Amino acid sequence: MPKILYALASAGGFTGGQKMVVRHVETLRDLGFEARLYVTNALPAGLSHQAPMIRGGFHNDDILVVPDDDVDILRQCEAARWRSVVFVQNPYALAAAGAGEVMRRMADQGRLTLLSVAPRQTATLRRLFPKAAIHDIRAFADERLFRPAPAKQRCIVSTPKKRPQERQAIEAFLRLMHPAWDWPWRDLQGASEIETAESLAQSEVFLSLNRLESVGLAPLEAMAAGCVVAGFTGIGGLSYATPDNGFWVPDEDCEAAADALAEACALVKEGGPALKRRREAGFETARAWSQAACKVELEAAWTQIAPETRVSEGSLD
């Protein structure tokens, strides 16, 4: 019986991409597909999951789902007898790693199947690999985990991993230009997924520090948790950013980001219908990028790619 094997590797902490790998496997098993994690080294720390794992060899009739930025693995797939699918989670990482030429050759041979995490990214992939088979399976903010707490605290939360300098500059600008909104800050650097969900649930305002994203999950998770979002789209956030669901500013414009945070803090203090409308717009956006929405697209994609891997109409776990 062929299996769907999602390759997973980690150097320590977890990324949004690794989170989607794990959640794909869990969701596929819930749909009755024989899917597992194929672990090549350490497991990501701080990421809880229920996905079964295998290590070592696999059968040639299995389907190996591989990352888009590992050229060595892609070259093995190019030369191998087994079937492979490339899970593209960031076209910028793909291009910077030099994976494009290998993938172009696979596409020319009719052997390139891609999973894309956002319609905007899919458009880019169609330009890069016009001969590839591409399936839209949008990334998601997990509504089973990210939701607001009964009471929130007046603080600003951020994930500064990709923009530490901008994070420092924005806080300084806010304190100096808008001293009325010198609220406490929480940084989620190194936090587990559960800790992140708890911090977002308890916080009023989220600073988006997206950078070169295919989607950028952090603002979506913040919206699902009822935060007022302000900051950068990081390109990928353009897939969901609107004037109604966030105070969005041009990337790198730290002064504008500080101004946007001040607007967000003022909205929270004012409360009332305006704050309710902003939060409802965020909830609506998060629902469009939810696990429930992803589940429908994931089922459609794998029913087309490898219908023989569905062994049950119900959950396998």
Protein backbone atom coordinates (compact mmCIF):
# COMPACT_ATOMS: atom_id res chain seq x y z
CA MET A 1 0.00 0.00 0.00
CA PRO A 2 1.60 3.30 -1.06
CA LYS A 3 2.01 6.02 1.54
CA ILE A 4 2.29 9.81 1.41
CA LEU A 5 5.52 10.74 3.20
CA TYR A 6 6.16 14.39 4.08
CA ALA A 7 9.87 14.97 4.66
CA LEU A 8 10.58 16.87 7.88
CA ALA A 9 13.92 18.15 9.15
CA SER A 10 14.78 20.62 11.88
CA ALA A 11 17.85 22.35 13.25
CA GLY A 12 16.13 23.07 16.56
CA GLY A 13 13.12 25.38 16.77
CA PHE A 14 10.16 25.27 14.41
CA THR A 15 9.11 27.37 11.44
CA GLY A 16 5.75 28.07 9.90
CA GLY A 17 6.72 25.78 7.04
CA GLN A 18 7.46 22.86 9.35
CA LYS A 19 4.17 23.50 11.11
CA MET A 20 2.31 23.15 7.80
CA VAL A 21 4.13 19.88 7.02
CA VAL A 22 2.95 18.41 10.31
CA ARG A 23 -0.59 19.74 9.97
CA HIS A 24 -0.90 18.42 6.41
CA VAL A 25 -0.11 14.91 7.63
CA GLU A 26 -2.55 15.15 10.55
CA THR A 27 -5.32 16.48 8.30
CA LEU A 28 -4.73 13.88 5.60
CA ARG A 29 -4.98 11.09 8.16
CA ASP A 30 -8.19 12.62 9.45
CA LEU A 31 -9.46 12.36 5.85
CA GLY A 32 -8.46 8.70 5.59
CA PHE A 33 -5.23 9.06 3.59
CA GLU A 34 -2.21 6.95 4.55
CA ALA A 35 0.15 9.83 5.33
CA ARG A 36 3.15 10.04 7.64
CA LEU A 37 6.10 12.23 8.50
CA TYR A 38 9.42 11.11 7.03
CA VAL A 39 11.88 12.37 9.66
CA THR A 40 15.41 12.94 8.39
CA ASN A 41 17.01 14.29 11.58
CA ALA A 42 15.72 16.07 14.71
CA LEU A 43 12.09 16.94 15.29
CA PRO A 44 11.16 20.63 15.65
CA ALA A 45 11.11 21.74 19.28
CA GLY A 46 8.03 23.51 20.60
CA LEU A 47 5.63 22.01 18.06
CA SER A 48 3.10 19.50 19.38
CA HIS A 49 1.50 17.08 16.94
CA GLN A 50 -0.22 13.71 16.51
CA ALA A 51 1.32 12.72 13.17
CA PRO A 52 2.92 9.25 12.94
CA MET A 53 6.57 9.20 11.89
CA ILE A 54 8.98 6.91 10.08
CA ARG A 55 12.73 7.05 9.70
CA GLY A 56 14.98 5.29 7.25
CA GLY A 57 13.97 3.77 3.93
CA PHE A 58 10.72 3.84 2.05
CA HIS A 59 9.19 1.97 -0.89
CA ASN A 60 9.37 3.09 -4.51
CA ASP A 61 5.58 3.21 -4.73
CA ASP A 62 5.42 5.75 -1.88
CA ILE A 63 5.04 9.46 -2.67
CA LEU A 64 7.73 11.62 -1.07
CA VAL A 65 6.76 15.24 -0.36
CA VAL A 66 9.94 17.31 -0.22
CA PRO A 67 10.83 20.93 0.62
CA ASP A 68 11.36 23.52 -2.09
CA ASP A 69 14.73 24.82 -0.87
CA ASP A 70 16.81 21.62 -0.48
CA VAL A 71 18.68 21.21 -3.76
CA ASP A 72 20.30 17.90 -2.76
CA ILE A 73 16.94 16.25 -2.07
CA LEU A 74 15.47 17.66 -5.27
CA ARG A 75 18.36 16.23 -7.31
CA GLN A 76 17.77 12.83 -5.73
CA CYS A 77 14.11 13.06 -6.66
CA GLU A 78 15.01 14.06 -10.21
CA ALA A 79 17.07 10.89 -10.67
CA ALA A 80 14.94 8.50 -8.59
CA ARG A 81 12.26 5.99 -9.45
CA TRP A 82 9.94 7.04 -6.64
CA ARG A 83 7.23 9.65 -7.08
CA SER A 84 7.83 13.05 -5.54
CA VAL A 85 5.83 16.19 -4.84
CA VAL A 86 7.44 19.52 -3.96
CA PHE A 87 5.84 21.47 -1.12
CA VAL A 88 6.57 25.10 -2.05
CA GLN A 89 6.27 27.33 0.99
CA ASN A 90 8.44 30.25 -0.04
CA PRO A 91 9.39 31.11 -3.65
CA TYR A 92 12.12 33.47 -2.42
CA ALA A 93 13.84 30.68 -0.47
CA LEU A 94 13.43 28.41 -3.49
CA ALA A 95 15.13 30.91 -5.78
CA ALA A 96 17.88 31.82 -3.32
CA ALA A 97 18.75 28.14 -2.76
CA GLY A 98 19.24 27.57 -6.49
CA ALA A 99 16.46 24.98 -6.68
CA GLY A 100 14.81 26.50 -9.72
CA GLU A 101 16.95 24.81 -12.38
CA VAL A 102 16.40 21.32 -10.96
CA MET A 103 12.68 21.91 -10.73
CA ARG A 104 12.55 23.31 -14.26
CA ARG A 105 14.17 20.11 -15.59
CA MET A 106 11.65 18.01 -13.68
CA ALA A 107 8.83 20.09 -15.12
CA ASP A 108 10.15 19.64 -18.66
CA GLN A 109 10.10 15.88 -18.07
CA GLY A 110 6.49 16.05 -16.87
CA ARG A 111 7.55 15.04 -13.37
CA LEU A 112 6.99 18.19 -11.33
CA THR A 113 3.97 18.37 -9.04
CA LEU A 114 3.79 21.32 -6.66
CA LEU A 115 1.76 22.12 -3.57
CA SER A 116 1.30 25.88 -3.17
CA VAL A 117 0.26 27.62 0.04
CA ALA A 118 -1.41 30.73 -1.44
CA PRO A 119 -3.07 31.80 -4.71
CA ARG A 120 -0.65 34.71 -5.02
CA GLN A 121 2.28 32.29 -4.77
CA THR A 122 0.63 29.99 -7.30
CA ALA A 123 0.68 32.79 -9.87
CA THR A 124 4.44 33.14 -9.33
CA LEU A 125 4.96 29.39 -9.65
CA ARG A 126 3.04 29.30 -12.93
CA ARG A 127 5.48 31.87 -14.31
CA LEU A 128 8.49 29.92 -13.02
CA PHE A 129 7.30 26.43 -13.98
CA PRO A 130 4.56 26.63 -16.64
CA LYS A 131 4.71 22.87 -17.29
CA ALA A 132 4.24 21.86 -13.64
CA ALA A 133 1.07 20.52 -12.07
CA ILE A 134 0.23 22.96 -9.27
CA HIS A 135 -2.29 22.43 -6.48
CA ASP A 136 -3.54 25.27 -4.25
CA ILE A 137 -3.63 24.27 -0.58
CA ARG A 138 -3.59 27.44 1.41
CA ALA A 139 -1.68 27.68 4.68
CA PHE A 140 -3.81 28.24 7.74
CA ALA A 141 -4.06 29.85 11.14
CA ASP A 142 -5.26 26.97 13.29
CA GLU A 143 -8.63 28.01 14.69
CA ARG A 144 -8.51 25.02 17.05
CA LEU A 145 -5.64 26.71 18.89
CA PHE A 146 -5.68 30.45 18.10
CA ARG A 147 -8.66 32.26 19.63
CA PRO A 148 -9.13 35.23 21.98
CA ALA A 149 -9.02 34.99 25.76
CA PRO A 150 -12.01 36.24 27.79
CA ALA A 151 -9.93 39.24 28.92
CA LYS A 152 -7.08 40.96 27.09
CA GLN A 153 -4.17 43.08 28.29
CA ARG A 154 -3.03 46.38 26.82
CA CYS A 155 0.29 45.29 25.39
CA ILE A 156 1.96 44.91 21.98
CA VAL A 157 3.13 41.48 20.87
CA SER A 158 5.50 40.68 17.99
CA THR A 159 7.66 37.96 16.45
CA PRO A 160 10.95 39.76 15.65
CA LYS A 161 12.92 36.82 14.23
CA LYS A 162 13.06 38.13 10.66
CA ARG A 163 13.22 41.86 11.47
CA PRO A 164 15.04 42.44 14.79
CA GLN A 165 16.38 45.86 13.78
CA GLU A 166 13.00 47.06 12.57
CA ARG A 167 11.41 45.79 15.78
CA GLN A 168 13.79 47.89 17.89
CA ALA A 169 13.39 50.96 15.69
CA ILE A 170 9.59 50.78 15.72
CA GLU A 171 9.44 50.51 19.52
CA ALA A 172 11.76 53.53 19.87
CA PHE A 173 9.77 55.56 17.33
CA LEU A 174 6.52 54.72 19.10
CA ARG A 175 7.90 55.71 22.50
CA LEU A 176 9.37 59.00 21.24
CA MET A 177 6.69 60.07 18.76
CA HIS A 178 3.62 58.67 20.52
CA PRO A 179 4.47 58.54 24.25
CA ALA A 180 0.81 58.03 25.17
CA TRP A 181 1.05 54.53 23.71
CA ASP A 182 4.22 53.36 25.44
CA TRP A 183 2.59 50.05 26.27
CA PRO A 184 4.44 46.90 27.46
CA TRP A 185 5.88 44.67 24.74
CA ARG A 186 5.96 40.89 24.44
CA ASP A 187 8.29 39.18 21.99
CA LEU A 188 7.52 35.61 20.95
CA GLN A 189 11.07 34.68 19.96
CA GLY A 190 11.63 31.02 20.81
CA ALA A 191 8.09 30.48 22.12
CA SER A 192 6.34 27.19 21.53
CA GLU A 193 3.17 27.14 19.45
CA ILE A 194 1.03 26.83 22.58
CA GLU A 195 2.89 29.70 24.29
CA THR A 196 2.43 31.81 21.16
CA ALA A 197 -1.30 31.10 21.10
CA GLU A 198 -1.62 32.02 24.78
CA SER A 199 0.28 35.31 24.34
CA LEU A 200 -1.78 36.32 21.30
CA ALA A 201 -5.01 35.42 23.07
CA GLN A 202 -4.15 37.72 25.97
CA SER A 203 -2.79 40.66 23.93
CA GLU A 204 -4.60 43.59 22.35
CA VAL A 205 -2.21 44.64 19.54
CA PHE A 206 0.09 42.70 17.21
CA LEU A 207 2.99 44.20 15.25
CA SER A 208 3.42 42.37 11.93
CA LEU A 209 7.08 41.97 11.01
CA ASN A 210 6.48 39.83 7.92
CA ARG A 211 9.42 39.67 5.51
CA LEU A 212 9.62 37.94 2.11
CA GLU A 213 6.71 35.64 2.90
CA SER A 214 4.60 33.39 0.74
CA VAL A 215 1.76 34.04 3.20
CA GLY A 216 2.99 35.07 6.64
CA LEU A 217 0.98 33.12 9.22
CA ALA A 218 1.71 35.26 12.28
CA PRO A 219 -0.74 38.10 11.46
CA LEU A 220 -3.45 35.56 10.58
CA GLU A 221 -2.94 33.80 13.91
CA ALA A 222 -3.08 37.19 15.64
CA MET A 223 -6.37 38.01 13.89
CA ALA A 224 -7.80 34.64 14.92
CA ALA A 225 -6.82 35.49 18.51
CA GLY A 226 -8.62 38.83 18.36
CA CYS A 227 -5.59 41.12 18.16
CA VAL A 228 -5.63 44.43 16.29
CA VAL A 229 -2.87 44.06 13.67
CA ALA A 230 -0.51 46.75 12.39
CA GLY A 231 2.71 46.67 10.37
CA PHE A 232 4.22 45.06 7.29
CA THR A 233 2.69 42.62 4.81
CA GLY A 234 6.04 41.08 3.79
CA ILE A 235 4.61 40.66 0.26
CA GLY A 236 2.79 37.43 1.12
CA GLY A 237 0.45 39.28 3.43
CA LEU A 238 -0.96 41.08 0.40
CA SER A 239 -3.02 37.92 -0.10
CA TYR A 240 -5.17 38.84 2.89
CA ALA A 241 -4.34 42.39 4.05
CA THR A 242 -7.18 44.91 3.70
CA PRO A 243 -7.86 48.37 5.14
CA ASP A 244 -10.53 46.74 7.32
CA ASN A 245 -8.45 43.99 8.99
CA GLY A 246 -5.21 45.83 9.76
CA PHE A 247 -3.23 49.07 9.84
CA TRP A 248 -0.85 48.09 7.02
CA VAL A 249 2.19 50.13 5.95
CA PRO A 250 4.90 49.78 3.26
CA ASP A 251 7.62 47.26 4.11
CA GLU A 252 10.67 48.74 5.84
CA ASP A 253 8.89 52.00 6.72
CA CYS A 254 9.45 51.86 10.47
CA GLU A 255 8.15 55.38 11.06
CA ALA A 256 4.86 54.52 9.35
CA ALA A 257 4.71 51.29 11.38
CA ALA A 258 5.04 53.25 14.62
CA ASP A 259 2.24 55.56 13.48
CA ALA A 260 0.11 52.53 12.63
CA LEU A 261 0.72 51.03 16.07
CA ALA A 262 -0.38 54.29 17.64
CA GLU A 263 -3.62 54.11 15.62
CA ALA A 264 -4.14 50.51 16.72
CA CYS A 265 -3.58 51.37 20.41
CA ALA A 266 -5.94 54.35 20.15
CA LEU A 267 -8.61 52.12 18.62
CA VAL A 268 -8.28 49.65 21.49
CA LYS A 269 -8.56 52.39 24.11
CA GLU A 270 -11.59 53.90 22.38
CA GLY A 271 -13.32 50.54 22.05
CA GLY A 272 -16.91 50.52 20.89
CA PRO A 273 -18.25 49.70 17.41
CA ALA A 274 -15.05 50.67 15.56
CA LEU A 275 -12.96 48.18 17.53
CA LYS A 276 -15.64 45.51 17.11
CA ARG A 277 -15.69 46.01 13.33
CA ARG A 278 -11.90 45.74 13.14
CA ARG A 279 -11.86 42.52 15.14
CA GLU A 280 -14.73 41.02 13.15
CA ALA A 281 -12.86 41.77 9.91
CA GLY A 282 -9.87 39.96 11.37
CA PHE A 283 -11.96 36.96 12.39
CA GLU A 284 -13.49 36.82 8.90
CA THR A 285 -10.03 36.88 7.29
CA ALA A 286 -8.76 34.17 9.63
CA ARG A 287 -11.74 31.96 8.77
CA ALA A 288 -10.81 32.19 5.09
CA TRP A 289 -7.33 30.93 6.07
CA SER A 290 -8.47 28.28 8.53
CA GLN A 291 -7.78 24.59 8.98
CA ALA A 292 -11.32 23.87 7.84
CA ALA A 293 -10.71 25.72 4.55
CA CYS A 294 -7.36 24.02 4.06
CA LYS A 295 -8.91 20.60 4.65
CA VAL A 296 -11.19 20.97 1.63
CA GLU A 297 -8.30 21.96 -0.66
CA LEU A 298 -6.01 19.26 0.74
CA GLU A 299 -8.60 16.55 0.09
CA ALA A 300 -9.16 17.76 -3.48
CA ALA A 301 -5.43 17.89 -4.25
CA TRP A 302 -4.50 14.44 -2.96
CA THR A 303 -7.60 12.83 -4.44
CA GLN A 304 -6.18 13.96 -7.78
CA ILE A 305 -2.48 13.30 -7.08
CA ALA A 306 -2.69 9.86 -5.44
CA PRO A 307 -6.24 8.59 -4.87
CA GLU A 308 -4.90 5.11 -4.11
CA THR A 309 -3.45 6.39 -0.80
CA ARG A 310 -6.94 6.97 0.62
CA VAL A 311 -7.69 3.82 2.54
CA SER A 312 -10.64 4.95 4.65
CA GLU A 313 -13.61 7.32 4.52
CA GLY A 314 -12.95 8.19 8.16
CA SER A 315 -10.00 9.09 10.32
CA LEU A 316 -7.07 6.68 10.54
CA ASP A 317 -6.28 7.74 14.12
